[in-house]
């Protein structure tokens, strides 16, 4: 809508300063001609807008002019208060800062939007850590956060999973990520990812570093997770699943329904040992076709179970139960 777009132009110029018509059009996803018309509308309404020609030109607001109009909708006000996670903020030493900021934002909201902000805070609570793990001890988290904010290098003693376990590292912290209740610091050179709770000792250095202008923390983390899952499950297995049976997790490919109602698909597996244990849980609801080594291991386990428990019998114990017939394994 035009009214929403006019508010967006005001806020963009207020927060970013001088902007060209082309840049405004790109931000708002409209044509440059539309931006020209909107600028004329704002000027006609008395907004002190100035346009400068030339390579370094663009539109800007009169120095000192600020609008009190936030342009927030009810949904935006609710989302703003939902985004505030008090637990992680407190871990970073910003609990009181977050509370003060929310109080100020609430006071600046139009009266009709304040109930929406109060309602979202009272009906939704974000609790990041999982159920079945103790909270990680992260005594150096505030120091790491300070280094991230001030571009200050760190010298740490870090515990990793492979030998030698305890190593010395020089870190240039680019950003912090909270994943499933666990804090990670992404740091150069590299960059590489480190668990904050595995930092054994930390020294904040006077040395400062320059954070790469093109570094995108969210983009890096998305790529890191994709690579992590690929390394976690490097192998593949071809299986058949009975009707109604499914395997958890992403990565299944080439799934197609066969004539007997079973589904043939290719799934990633972490290792033969892990897949052997996971597939046994599905009992007769799964048949492994490849790799042959995994199929043979499951067959040996099934044979051992038959030897241990014997043939299935009726409650009277005098006649074996008749096994249901299944389609033969395709060649």
C-alpha atoms as a PDB file:
ATOM      1  CA  UNK A   1       0.000   0.000   0.000  1.00  0.00           C
ATOM      2  CA  UNK A   2       1.166   3.519  -0.743  1.00  0.00           C
ATOM      3  CA  UNK A   3       0.773   4.767   2.850  1.00  0.00           C
ATOM      4  CA  UNK A   4       2.962   1.940   4.180  1.00  0.00           C
ATOM      5  CA  UNK A   5       5.535   2.634   1.478  1.00  0.00           C
ATOM      6  CA  UNK A   6       5.691   6.335   2.371  1.00  0.00           C
ATOM      7  CA  UNK A   7       6.333   5.433   6.015  1.00  0.00           C
ATOM      8  CA  UNK A   8       9.084   3.038   4.910  1.00  0.00           C
ATOM      9  CA  UNK A   9      10.805   5.764   2.893  1.00  0.00           C
ATOM     10  CA  UNK A  10      10.721   8.084   5.900  1.00  0.00           C
ATOM     11  CA  UNK A  11      12.192   5.460   8.209  1.00  0.00           C
ATOM     12  CA  UNK A  12      14.878   4.435   5.715  1.00  0.00           C
ATOM     13  CA  UNK A  13      16.050   8.019   5.267  1.00  0.00           C
ATOM     14  CA  UNK A  14      15.858   8.604   9.009  1.00  0.00           C
ATOM     15  CA  UNK A  15      17.976   5.590   9.907  1.00  0.00           C
ATOM     16  CA  UNK A  16      20.392   5.396   6.942  1.00  0.00           C
ATOM     17  CA  UNK A  17      20.792   8.995   5.872  1.00  0.00           C
ATOM     18  CA  UNK A  18      21.213   9.912   2.205  1.00  0.00           C
ATOM     19  CA  UNK A  19      19.844   7.344  -0.281  1.00  0.00           C
ATOM     20  CA  UNK A  20      19.440   7.423  -4.033  1.00  0.00           C
ATOM     21  CA  UNK A  21      16.125   6.773  -5.755  1.00  0.00           C
ATOM     22  CA  UNK A  22      17.572   3.568  -7.215  1.00  0.00           C
ATOM     23  CA  UNK A  23      18.591   2.320  -3.771  1.00  0.00           C
ATOM     24  CA  UNK A  24      15.175   3.148  -2.310  1.00  0.00           C
ATOM     25  CA  UNK A  25      13.488   1.347  -5.197  1.00  0.00           C
ATOM     26  CA  UNK A  26      15.639  -1.729  -4.555  1.00  0.00           C
ATOM     27  CA  UNK A  27      14.809  -1.736  -0.832  1.00  0.00           C
ATOM     28  CA  UNK A  28      11.063  -1.296  -1.423  1.00  0.00           C
ATOM     29  CA  UNK A  29      10.931  -3.569  -4.481  1.00  0.00           C
ATOM     30  CA  UNK A  30       9.247  -0.936  -6.662  1.00  0.00           C
ATOM     31  CA  UNK A  31      10.259   1.043  -9.724  1.00  0.00           C
ATOM     32  CA  UNK A  32      12.370   4.206  -9.581  1.00  0.00           C
ATOM     33  CA  UNK A  33       9.424   6.074 -11.127  1.00  0.00           C
ATOM     34  CA  UNK A  34       7.280   5.011  -8.135  1.00  0.00           C
ATOM     35  CA  UNK A  35       9.925   6.353  -5.741  1.00  0.00           C
ATOM     36  CA  UNK A  36       9.904   9.706  -7.540  1.00  0.00           C
ATOM     37  CA  UNK A  37       6.119   9.925  -7.110  1.00  0.00           C
ATOM     38  CA  UNK A  38       6.357   8.994  -3.431  1.00  0.00           C
ATOM     39  CA  UNK A  39       9.039  11.633  -2.809  1.00  0.00           C
ATOM     40  CA  UNK A  40       6.791  14.251  -4.417  1.00  0.00           C
ATOM     41  CA  UNK A  41       3.903  13.121  -2.181  1.00  0.00           C
ATOM     42  CA  UNK A  42       6.037  13.418   0.961  1.00  0.00           C
ATOM     43  CA  UNK A  43       7.280  16.872  -0.035  1.00  0.00           C
ATOM     44  CA  UNK A  44       3.715  18.019  -0.720  1.00  0.00           C
ATOM     45  CA  UNK A  45       2.768  16.832   2.765  1.00  0.00           C
ATOM     46  CA  UNK A  46       5.418  19.099   4.311  1.00  0.00           C
ATOM     47  CA  UNK A  47       8.200  16.598   4.976  1.00  0.00           C
ATOM     48  CA  UNK A  48      11.556  18.450   4.601  1.00  0.00           C
ATOM     49  CA  UNK A  49      13.156  16.289   1.906  1.00  0.00           C
ATOM     50  CA  UNK A  50      16.127  17.423  -0.162  1.00  0.00           C
ATOM     51  CA  UNK A  51      17.527  15.872  -3.297  1.00  0.00           C
ATOM     52  CA  UNK A  52      21.124  16.294  -4.482  1.00  0.00           C
ATOM     53  CA  UNK A  53      22.221  15.484  -8.022  1.00  0.00           C
ATOM     54  CA  UNK A  54      25.503  13.930  -9.014  1.00  0.00           C
ATOM     55  CA  UNK A  55      27.461  10.777  -8.257  1.00  0.00           C
ATOM     56  CA  UNK A  56      27.288  11.295  -4.471  1.00  0.00           C
ATOM     57  CA  UNK A  57      23.732  12.619  -4.558  1.00  0.00           C
ATOM     58  CA  UNK A  58      20.460  11.255  -3.315  1.00  0.00           C
ATOM     59  CA  UNK A  59      17.560  12.138  -1.064  1.00  0.00           C
ATOM     60  CA  UNK A  60      17.935  13.091   2.572  1.00  0.00           C
ATOM     61  CA  UNK A  61      15.914  14.593   5.399  1.00  0.00           C
ATOM     62  CA  UNK A  62      16.615  18.034   6.808  1.00  0.00           C
ATOM     63  CA  UNK A  63      19.230  17.747   9.586  1.00  0.00           C
ATOM     64  CA  UNK A  64      17.531  17.313  12.949  1.00  0.00           C
ATOM     65  CA  UNK A  65      14.202  16.204  11.489  1.00  0.00           C
ATOM     66  CA  UNK A  66      12.872  12.980  12.957  1.00  0.00           C
ATOM     67  CA  UNK A  67       9.430  11.501  12.759  1.00  0.00           C
ATOM     68  CA  UNK A  68       7.816   9.916  15.818  1.00  0.00           C
ATOM     69  CA  UNK A  69       5.820   7.660  13.533  1.00  0.00           C
ATOM     70  CA  UNK A  70       6.992   4.062  13.924  1.00  0.00           C
ATOM     71  CA  UNK A  71       4.716   2.487  11.341  1.00  0.00           C
ATOM     72  CA  UNK A  72       4.311  -0.585  13.550  1.00  0.00           C
ATOM     73  CA  UNK A  73       1.315  -2.797  12.968  1.00  0.00           C
ATOM     74  CA  UNK A  74      -0.207  -4.953  15.702  1.00  0.00           C
ATOM     75  CA  UNK A  75       1.548  -8.049  14.303  1.00  0.00           C
ATOM     76  CA  UNK A  76       4.894  -6.229  14.191  1.00  0.00           C
ATOM     77  CA  UNK A  77       4.520  -5.062  17.792  1.00  0.00           C
ATOM     78  CA  UNK A  78       3.782  -8.632  18.898  1.00  0.00           C
ATOM     79  CA  UNK A  79       6.763 -10.028  16.966  1.00  0.00           C
ATOM     80  CA  UNK A  80       9.063  -7.404  18.492  1.00  0.00           C
ATOM     81  CA  UNK A  81       8.311  -8.518  22.033  1.00  0.00           C
ATOM     82  CA  UNK A  82       8.389 -12.193  21.084  1.00  0.00           C
ATOM     83  CA  UNK A  83      11.927 -11.729  19.751  1.00  0.00           C
ATOM     84  CA  UNK A  84      13.277 -10.719  23.150  1.00  0.00           C
ATOM     85  CA  UNK A  85      14.743 -13.850  24.754  1.00  0.00           C
ATOM     86  CA  UNK A  86      15.456 -13.026  28.433  1.00  0.00           C
ATOM     87  CA  UNK A  87      17.464 -16.187  29.139  1.00  0.00           C
ATOM     88  CA  UNK A  88      20.181 -15.701  26.493  1.00  0.00           C
ATOM     89  CA  UNK A  89      20.248 -11.949  27.176  1.00  0.00           C
ATOM     90  CA  UNK A  90      20.909 -12.614  30.859  1.00  0.00           C
ATOM     91  CA  UNK A  91      23.730 -15.046  29.966  1.00  0.00           C
ATOM     92  CA  UNK A  92      25.347 -12.283  27.922  1.00  0.00           C
ATOM     93  CA  UNK A  93      25.010  -9.860  30.822  1.00  0.00           C
ATOM     94  CA  UNK A  94      22.307  -7.899  29.012  1.00  0.00           C
ATOM     95  CA  UNK A  95      19.224  -8.912  31.022  1.00  0.00           C
ATOM     96  CA  UNK A  96      18.663  -5.490  32.561  1.00  0.00           C
ATOM     97  CA  UNK A  97      19.470  -3.787  29.257  1.00  0.00           C
ATOM     98  CA  UNK A  98      16.842  -5.863  27.449  1.00  0.00           C
ATOM     99  CA  UNK A  99      14.227  -5.092  30.112  1.00  0.00           C
ATOM    100  CA  UNK A 100      14.961  -1.364  29.898  1.00  0.00           C
ATOM    101  CA  UNK A 101      14.827  -1.420  26.092  1.00  0.00           C
ATOM    102  CA  UNK A 102      11.465  -3.207  26.058  1.00  0.00           C
ATOM    103  CA  UNK A 103      10.103  -0.714  28.580  1.00  0.00           C
ATOM    104  CA  UNK A 104      11.165   2.189  26.364  1.00  0.00           C
ATOM    105  CA  UNK A 105       9.757   0.574  23.223  1.00  0.00           C
ATOM    106  CA  UNK A 106       6.461  -0.098  24.988  1.00  0.00           C
ATOM    107  CA  UNK A 107       6.253   3.527  26.127  1.00  0.00           C
ATOM    108  CA  UNK A 108       6.843   4.703  22.541  1.00  0.00           C
ATOM    109  CA  UNK A 109       4.154   2.446  21.078  1.00  0.00           C
ATOM    110  CA  UNK A 110       0.801   3.949  20.200  1.00  0.00           C
ATOM    111  CA  UNK A 111      -1.765   3.264  22.925  1.00  0.00           C
ATOM    112  CA  UNK A 112      -3.761   0.882  20.732  1.00  0.00           C
ATOM    113  CA  UNK A 113      -0.714  -1.381  20.216  1.00  0.00           C
ATOM    114  CA  UNK A 114       0.394  -1.722  23.847  1.00  0.00           C
ATOM    115  CA  UNK A 115      -2.124  -4.470  24.713  1.00  0.00           C
ATOM    116  CA  UNK A 116      -0.754  -6.543  21.817  1.00  0.00           C
ATOM    117  CA  UNK A 117       2.790  -6.288  23.194  1.00  0.00           C
ATOM    118  CA  UNK A 118       1.626  -7.247  26.696  1.00  0.00           C
ATOM    119  CA  UNK A 119      -0.388 -10.165  25.334  1.00  0.00           C
ATOM    120  CA  UNK A 120       2.526 -11.723  23.435  1.00  0.00           C
ATOM    121  CA  UNK A 121       4.795 -11.521  26.493  1.00  0.00           C
ATOM    122  CA  UNK A 122       2.164 -13.186  28.667  1.00  0.00           C
ATOM    123  CA  UNK A 123       1.309 -16.031  26.272  1.00  0.00           C
ATOM    124  CA  UNK A 124       4.642 -17.098  24.781  1.00  0.00           C
ATOM    125  CA  UNK A 125       7.878 -17.986  26.530  1.00  0.00           C
ATOM    126  CA  UNK A 126      11.047 -19.038  24.704  1.00  0.00           C
ATOM    127  CA  UNK A 127      13.145 -21.703  26.445  1.00  0.00           C
ATOM    128  CA  UNK A 128      16.055 -22.686  24.207  1.00  0.00           C
ATOM    129  CA  UNK A 129      17.825 -25.570  26.067  1.00  0.00           C
ATOM    130  CA  UNK A 130      16.730 -29.171  25.576  1.00  0.00           C
ATOM    131  CA  UNK A 131      15.166 -31.371  28.248  1.00  0.00           C
ATOM    132  CA  UNK A 132      17.736 -34.130  28.566  1.00  0.00           C
ATOM    133  CA  UNK A 133      20.941 -32.185  29.041  1.00  0.00           C
ATOM    134  CA  UNK A 134      22.312 -30.110  31.869  1.00  0.00           C
ATOM    135  CA  UNK A 135      22.915 -26.457  31.104  1.00  0.00           C
ATOM    136  CA  UNK A 136      26.451 -25.795  29.872  1.00  0.00           C
ATOM    137  CA  UNK A 137      28.712 -23.812  32.172  1.00  0.00           C
ATOM    138  CA  UNK A 138      29.921 -20.818  30.156  1.00  0.00           C
ATOM    139  CA  UNK A 139      31.864 -18.589  32.578  1.00  0.00           C
ATOM    140  CA  UNK A 140      33.702 -16.850  29.724  1.00  0.00           C
ATOM    141  CA  UNK A 141      30.606 -16.007  27.670  1.00  0.00           C
ATOM    142  CA  UNK A 142      30.464 -12.304  28.721  1.00  0.00           C
ATOM    143  CA  UNK A 143      34.171 -11.936  27.871  1.00  0.00           C
ATOM    144  CA  UNK A 144      33.667 -13.517  24.456  1.00  0.00           C
ATOM    145  CA  UNK A 145      30.636 -11.310  23.824  1.00  0.00           C
ATOM    146  CA  UNK A 146      32.662  -8.219  24.750  1.00  0.00           C
ATOM    147  CA  UNK A 147      35.417  -9.308  22.338  1.00  0.00           C
ATOM    148  CA  UNK A 148      32.846  -9.808  19.559  1.00  0.00           C
ATOM    149  CA  UNK A 149      31.396  -6.361  20.124  1.00  0.00           C
ATOM    150  CA  UNK A 150      34.728  -4.521  20.394  1.00  0.00           C
ATOM    151  CA  UNK A 151      36.666  -6.544  17.780  1.00  0.00           C
ATOM    152  CA  UNK A 152      39.247  -7.536  20.386  1.00  0.00           C
ATOM    153  CA  UNK A 153      41.414 -10.628  19.913  1.00  0.00           C
ATOM    154  CA  UNK A 154      41.489 -13.438  22.482  1.00  0.00           C
ATOM    155  CA  UNK A 155      44.001 -16.049  23.544  1.00  0.00           C
ATOM    156  CA  UNK A 156      42.264 -19.159  24.851  1.00  0.00           C
ATOM    157  CA  UNK A 157      43.034 -22.639  26.057  1.00  0.00           C
ATOM    158  CA  UNK A 158      40.441 -24.816  24.350  1.00  0.00           C
ATOM    159  CA  UNK A 159      39.372 -28.439  24.824  1.00  0.00           C
ATOM    160  CA  UNK A 160      38.533 -30.312  21.632  1.00  0.00           C
ATOM    161  CA  UNK A 161      37.389 -33.880  21.044  1.00  0.00           C
ATOM    162  CA  UNK A 162      40.516 -35.291  19.348  1.00  0.00           C
ATOM    163  CA  UNK A 163      44.100 -35.615  20.556  1.00  0.00           C
ATOM    164  CA  UNK A 164      45.726 -33.491  21.739  1.00  0.00           C
ATOM    165  CA  UNK A 165      42.562 -32.420  23.508  1.00  0.00           C
ATOM    166  CA  UNK A 166      43.780 -29.223  25.204  1.00  0.00           C
ATOM    167  CA  UNK A 167      45.193 -26.681  22.747  1.00  0.00           C
ATOM    168  CA  UNK A 168      46.105 -22.993  22.664  1.00  0.00           C
ATOM    169  CA  UNK A 169      44.250 -20.821  20.158  1.00  0.00           C
ATOM    170  CA  UNK A 170      44.367 -17.190  19.011  1.00  0.00           C
ATOM    171  CA  UNK A 171      40.811 -16.110  18.181  1.00  0.00           C
ATOM    172  CA  UNK A 172      39.345 -13.117  16.387  1.00  0.00           C
ATOM    173  CA  UNK A 173      35.662 -13.465  17.362  1.00  0.00           C
ATOM    174  CA  UNK A 174      33.268 -12.478  14.555  1.00  0.00           C
ATOM    175  CA  UNK A 175      29.983 -13.493  16.194  1.00  0.00           C
ATOM    176  CA  UNK A 176      28.083 -15.641  18.701  1.00  0.00           C
ATOM    177  CA  UNK A 177      25.422 -18.231  17.912  1.00  0.00           C
ATOM    178  CA  UNK A 178      22.986 -19.884  20.346  1.00  0.00           C
ATOM    179  CA  UNK A 179      21.959 -23.335  19.086  1.00  0.00           C
ATOM    180  CA  UNK A 180      19.745 -25.630  21.187  1.00  0.00           C
ATOM    181  CA  UNK A 181      20.873 -23.994  24.427  1.00  0.00           C
ATOM    182  CA  UNK A 182      24.574 -24.148  23.555  1.00  0.00           C
ATOM    183  CA  UNK A 183      26.721 -21.104  22.700  1.00  0.00           C
ATOM    184  CA  UNK A 184      29.185 -21.149  19.810  1.00  0.00           C
ATOM    185  CA  UNK A 185      31.680 -18.463  18.806  1.00  0.00           C
ATOM    186  CA  UNK A 186      32.593 -18.070  15.145  1.00  0.00           C
ATOM    187  CA  UNK A 187      36.135 -16.726  14.989  1.00  0.00           C
ATOM    188  CA  UNK A 188      38.932 -16.058  12.552  1.00  0.00           C
ATOM    189  CA  UNK A 189      41.295 -16.893  11.139  1.00  0.00           C
ATOM    190  CA  UNK A 190      39.312 -19.220   8.956  1.00  0.00           C
ATOM    191  CA  UNK A 191      36.711 -18.639  10.239  1.00  0.00           C
ATOM    192  CA  UNK A 192      36.091 -21.649  12.457  1.00  0.00           C
ATOM    193  CA  UNK A 193      33.481 -22.567  15.077  1.00  0.00           C
ATOM    194  CA  UNK A 194      34.213 -23.148  18.777  1.00  0.00           C
ATOM    195  CA  UNK A 195      31.997 -24.165  21.689  1.00  0.00           C
ATOM    196  CA  UNK A 196      32.136 -21.480  24.356  1.00  0.00           C
ATOM    197  CA  UNK A 197      31.687 -23.995  27.180  1.00  0.00           C
ATOM    198  CA  UNK A 198      34.910 -25.744  26.077  1.00  0.00           C
ATOM    199  CA  UNK A 199      37.051 -22.654  26.697  1.00  0.00           C
ATOM    200  CA  UNK A 200      39.200 -23.561  29.710  1.00  0.00           C
ATOM    201  CA  UNK A 201      41.080 -20.299  30.060  1.00  0.00           C
ATOM    202  CA  UNK A 202      40.749 -16.922  28.375  1.00  0.00           C
ATOM    203  CA  UNK A 203      42.928 -13.841  28.077  1.00  0.00           C
ATOM    204  CA  UNK A 204      41.581 -10.697  26.456  1.00  0.00           C
ATOM    205  CA  UNK A 205      44.310  -9.073  24.341  1.00  0.00           C
ATOM    206  CA  UNK A 206      44.897  -5.409  23.587  1.00  0.00           C
ATOM    207  CA  UNK A 207      45.213  -6.356  19.933  1.00  0.00           C
ATOM    208  CA  UNK A 208      42.207  -5.442  17.813  1.00  0.00           C
ATOM    209  CA  UNK A 209      41.193  -6.963  14.516  1.00  0.00           C
ATOM    210  CA  UNK A 210      39.154  -5.878  11.513  1.00  0.00           C
ATOM    211  CA  UNK A 211      36.019  -7.934  10.978  1.00  0.00           C
ATOM    212  CA  UNK A 212      35.599  -8.741   7.259  1.00  0.00           C
ATOM    213  CA  UNK A 213      33.001  -6.428   5.734  1.00  0.00           C
ATOM    214  CA  UNK A 214      31.505  -9.257   3.684  1.00  0.00           C
ATOM    215  CA  UNK A 215      31.192 -11.725   6.573  1.00  0.00           C
ATOM    216  CA  UNK A 216      27.567 -12.836   7.035  1.00  0.00           C
ATOM    217  CA  UNK A 217      27.096 -14.652  10.358  1.00  0.00           C
ATOM    218  CA  UNK A 218      23.687 -16.128   9.480  1.00  0.00           C
ATOM    219  CA  UNK A 219      24.921 -17.276   6.072  1.00  0.00           C
ATOM    220  CA  UNK A 220      28.072 -18.816   7.548  1.00  0.00           C
ATOM    221  CA  UNK A 221      26.058 -20.700  10.190  1.00  0.00           C
ATOM    222  CA  UNK A 222      23.625 -22.094   7.619  1.00  0.00           C
ATOM    223  CA  UNK A 223      26.547 -23.385   5.516  1.00  0.00           C
ATOM    224  CA  UNK A 224      28.283 -24.757   8.625  1.00  0.00           C
ATOM    225  CA  UNK A 225      25.190 -26.748   9.604  1.00  0.00           C
ATOM    226  CA  UNK A 226      24.849 -28.201   6.095  1.00  0.00           C
ATOM    227  CA  UNK A 227      28.487 -29.276   6.152  1.00  0.00           C
ATOM    228  CA  UNK A 228      28.112 -30.680   9.672  1.00  0.00           C
ATOM    229  CA  UNK A 229      25.180 -32.896   8.685  1.00  0.00           C
ATOM    230  CA  UNK A 230      27.050 -34.043   5.588  1.00  0.00           C
ATOM    231  CA  UNK A 231      30.086 -35.029   7.675  1.00  0.00           C
ATOM    232  CA  UNK A 232      27.850 -36.616  10.323  1.00  0.00           C
ATOM    233  CA  UNK A 233      26.179 -38.918   7.792  1.00  0.00           C
ATOM    234  CA  UNK A 234      28.691 -39.483   4.985  1.00  0.00           C
ATOM    235  CA  UNK A 235      27.384 -42.884   3.823  1.00  0.00           C
ATOM    236  CA  UNK A 236      24.112 -43.967   2.201  1.00  0.00           C
ATOM    237  CA  UNK A 237      21.794 -46.955   2.521  1.00  0.00           C
ATOM    238  CA  UNK A 238      19.056 -48.139   0.183  1.00  0.00           C
ATOM    239  CA  UNK A 239      16.051 -49.415   2.130  1.00  0.00           C
ATOM    240  CA  UNK A 240      12.430 -50.470   1.716  1.00  0.00           C
ATOM    241  CA  UNK A 241       9.886 -49.168   4.217  1.00  0.00           C
ATOM    242  CA  UNK A 242       6.570 -50.827   5.025  1.00  0.00           C
ATOM    243  CA  UNK A 243       3.362 -48.795   4.594  1.00  0.00           C
ATOM    244  CA  UNK A 244       3.060 -46.244   7.393  1.00  0.00           C
ATOM    245  CA  UNK A 245       6.728 -46.531   8.410  1.00  0.00           C
ATOM    246  CA  UNK A 246       9.000 -43.503   8.098  1.00  0.00           C
ATOM    247  CA  UNK A 247      12.550 -42.598   9.045  1.00  0.00           C
ATOM    248  CA  UNK A 248      13.282 -39.391  10.970  1.00  0.00           C
ATOM    249  CA  UNK A 249      15.641 -36.739   9.709  1.00  0.00           C
ATOM    250  CA  UNK A 250      16.297 -35.037   6.355  1.00  0.00           C
ATOM    251  CA  UNK A 251      18.298 -36.263   3.394  1.00  0.00           C
ATOM    252  CA  UNK A 252      16.130 -39.060   1.951  1.00  0.00           C
ATOM    253  CA  UNK A 253      16.285 -39.235  -1.846  1.00  0.00           C
ATOM    254  CA  UNK A 254      14.903 -41.265  -4.750  1.00  0.00           C
ATOM    255  CA  UNK A 255      11.811 -42.336  -2.808  1.00  0.00           C
ATOM    256  CA  UNK A 256       9.189 -44.157  -4.842  1.00  0.00           C
ATOM    257  CA  UNK A 257       6.228 -46.398  -4.075  1.00  0.00           C
ATOM    258  CA  UNK A 258       6.489 -50.021  -5.214  1.00  0.00           C
ATOM    259  CA  UNK A 259       3.668 -52.356  -6.281  1.00  0.00           C
ATOM    260  CA  UNK A 260       3.409 -54.090  -2.896  1.00  0.00           C
ATOM    261  CA  UNK A 261       2.858 -50.754  -1.102  1.00  0.00           C
ATOM    262  CA  UNK A 262       6.376 -50.530   0.296  1.00  0.00           C
ATOM    263  CA  UNK A 263       8.521 -47.431  -0.337  1.00  0.00           C
ATOM    264  CA  UNK A 264      12.053 -47.718  -1.658  1.00  0.00           C
ATOM    265  CA  UNK A 265      14.355 -44.831  -0.727  1.00  0.00           C
ATOM    266  CA  UNK A 266      17.989 -43.848  -0.177  1.00  0.00           C
ATOM    267  CA  UNK A 267      18.871 -42.493   3.284  1.00  0.00           C
ATOM    268  CA  UNK A 268      22.059 -41.021   4.806  1.00  0.00           C
ATOM    269  CA  UNK A 269      23.678 -43.045   7.602  1.00  0.00           C
ATOM    270  CA  UNK A 270      26.339 -42.045  10.110  1.00  0.00           C
ATOM    271  CA  UNK A 271      28.032 -45.472  10.231  1.00  0.00           C
ATOM    272  CA  UNK A 272      27.217 -49.173   9.910  1.00  0.00           C
ATOM    273  CA  UNK A 273      27.059 -49.541  13.703  1.00  0.00           C
ATOM    274  CA  UNK A 274      24.699 -46.592  14.107  1.00  0.00           C
ATOM    275  CA  UNK A 275      22.474 -47.658  11.201  1.00  0.00           C
ATOM    276  CA  UNK A 276      22.351 -51.248  12.508  1.00  0.00           C
ATOM    277  CA  UNK A 277      21.011 -50.042  15.863  1.00  0.00           C
ATOM    278  CA  UNK A 278      18.582 -47.514  14.351  1.00  0.00           C
ATOM    279  CA  UNK A 279      17.104 -49.882  11.762  1.00  0.00           C
ATOM    280  CA  UNK A 280      16.630 -52.705  14.286  1.00  0.00           C
ATOM    281  CA  UNK A 281      14.193 -50.446  16.126  1.00  0.00           C
ATOM    282  CA  UNK A 282      11.845 -50.613  13.147  1.00  0.00           C
ATOM    283  CA  UNK A 283      11.700 -54.412  13.275  1.00  0.00           C
ATOM    284  CA  UNK A 284       9.927 -55.910  10.262  1.00  0.00           C
ATOM    285  CA  UNK A 285       8.953 -52.443   9.007  1.00  0.00           C
ATOM    286  CA  UNK A 286      12.230 -52.022   7.136  1.00  0.00           C
ATOM    287  CA  UNK A 287      14.344 -54.037   4.705  1.00  0.00           C
ATOM    288  CA  UNK A 288      17.909 -52.968   3.909  1.00  0.00           C
ATOM    289  CA  UNK A 289      18.956 -53.567   0.311  1.00  0.00           C
ATOM    290  CA  UNK A 290      22.333 -51.810   0.321  1.00  0.00           C
ATOM    291  CA  UNK A 291      25.070 -51.827   1.488  1.00  0.00           C
ATOM    292  CA  UNK A 292      25.390 -55.592   1.550  1.00  0.00           C
ATOM    293  CA  UNK A 293      27.527 -55.534   4.707  1.00  0.00           C
ATOM    294  CA  UNK A 294      24.729 -53.817   6.643  1.00  0.00           C
ATOM    295  CA  UNK A 295      22.140 -56.225   5.222  1.00  0.00           C
ATOM    296  CA  UNK A 296      24.284 -59.200   6.272  1.00  0.00           C
ATOM    297  CA  UNK A 297      24.737 -57.823   9.803  1.00  0.00           C
ATOM    298  CA  UNK A 298      20.995 -57.390  10.237  1.00  0.00           C
ATOM    299  CA  UNK A 299      20.402 -60.908   8.896  1.00  0.00           C
ATOM    300  CA  UNK A 300      22.874 -62.353  11.421  1.00  0.00           C
ATOM    301  CA  UNK A 301      21.178 -60.422  14.242  1.00  0.00           C
ATOM    302  CA  UNK A 302      17.765 -61.720  13.150  1.00  0.00           C
ATOM    303  CA  UNK A 303      19.100 -65.287  13.051  1.00  0.00           C
ATOM    304  CA  UNK A 304      20.566 -64.918  16.538  1.00  0.00           C
ATOM    305  CA  UNK A 305      17.206 -63.645  17.818  1.00  0.00           C
ATOM    306  CA  UNK A 306      15.397 -66.648  16.312  1.00  0.00           C
ATOM    307  CA  UNK A 307      17.937 -69.003  17.872  1.00  0.00           C
ATOM    308  CA  UNK A 308      17.555 -67.324  21.238  1.00  0.00           C
ATOM    309  CA  UNK A 309      13.768 -67.141  21.346  1.00  0.00           C
ATOM    310  CA  UNK A 310      12.834 -70.069  19.131  1.00  0.00           C
ATOM    311  CA  UNK A 311       9.950 -70.226  16.641  1.00  0.00           C
ATOM    312  CA  UNK A 312       6.815 -68.204  17.480  1.00  0.00           C
ATOM    313  CA  UNK A 313       4.116 -70.406  19.006  1.00  0.00           C
ATOM    314  CA  UNK A 314       0.462 -70.134  19.870  1.00  0.00           C
ATOM    315  CA  UNK A 315      -0.696 -69.474  23.389  1.00  0.00           C
ATOM    316  CA  UNK A 316      -1.205 -73.248  23.806  1.00  0.00           C
ATOM    317  CA  UNK A 317       2.401 -73.776  22.741  1.00  0.00           C
ATOM    318  CA  UNK A 318       1.693 -76.727  20.425  1.00  0.00           C
ATOM    319  CA  UNK A 319       1.755 -75.185  16.930  1.00  0.00           C
ATOM    320  CA  UNK A 320       4.030 -72.579  15.350  1.00  0.00           C
ATOM    321  CA  UNK A 321       2.316 -69.409  14.189  1.00  0.00           C
ATOM    322  CA  UNK A 322       2.027 -69.055  10.437  1.00  0.00           C
ATOM    323  CA  UNK A 323       4.221 -66.208   9.158  1.00  0.00           C
ATOM    324  CA  UNK A 324       2.704 -63.666   6.768  1.00  0.00           C
ATOM    325  CA  UNK A 325       3.953 -63.928   3.193  1.00  0.00           C
ATOM    326  CA  UNK A 326       5.903 -61.045   1.714  1.00  0.00           C
ATOM    327  CA  UNK A 327       7.061 -60.189  -1.723  1.00  0.00           C
ATOM    328  CA  UNK A 328      10.489 -61.453  -2.652  1.00  0.00           C
ATOM    329  CA  UNK A 329      13.461 -59.121  -2.454  1.00  0.00           C
ATOM    330  CA  UNK A 330      13.926 -57.585  -5.912  1.00  0.00           C
ATOM    331  CA  UNK A 331      17.050 -58.649  -7.714  1.00  0.00           C
END
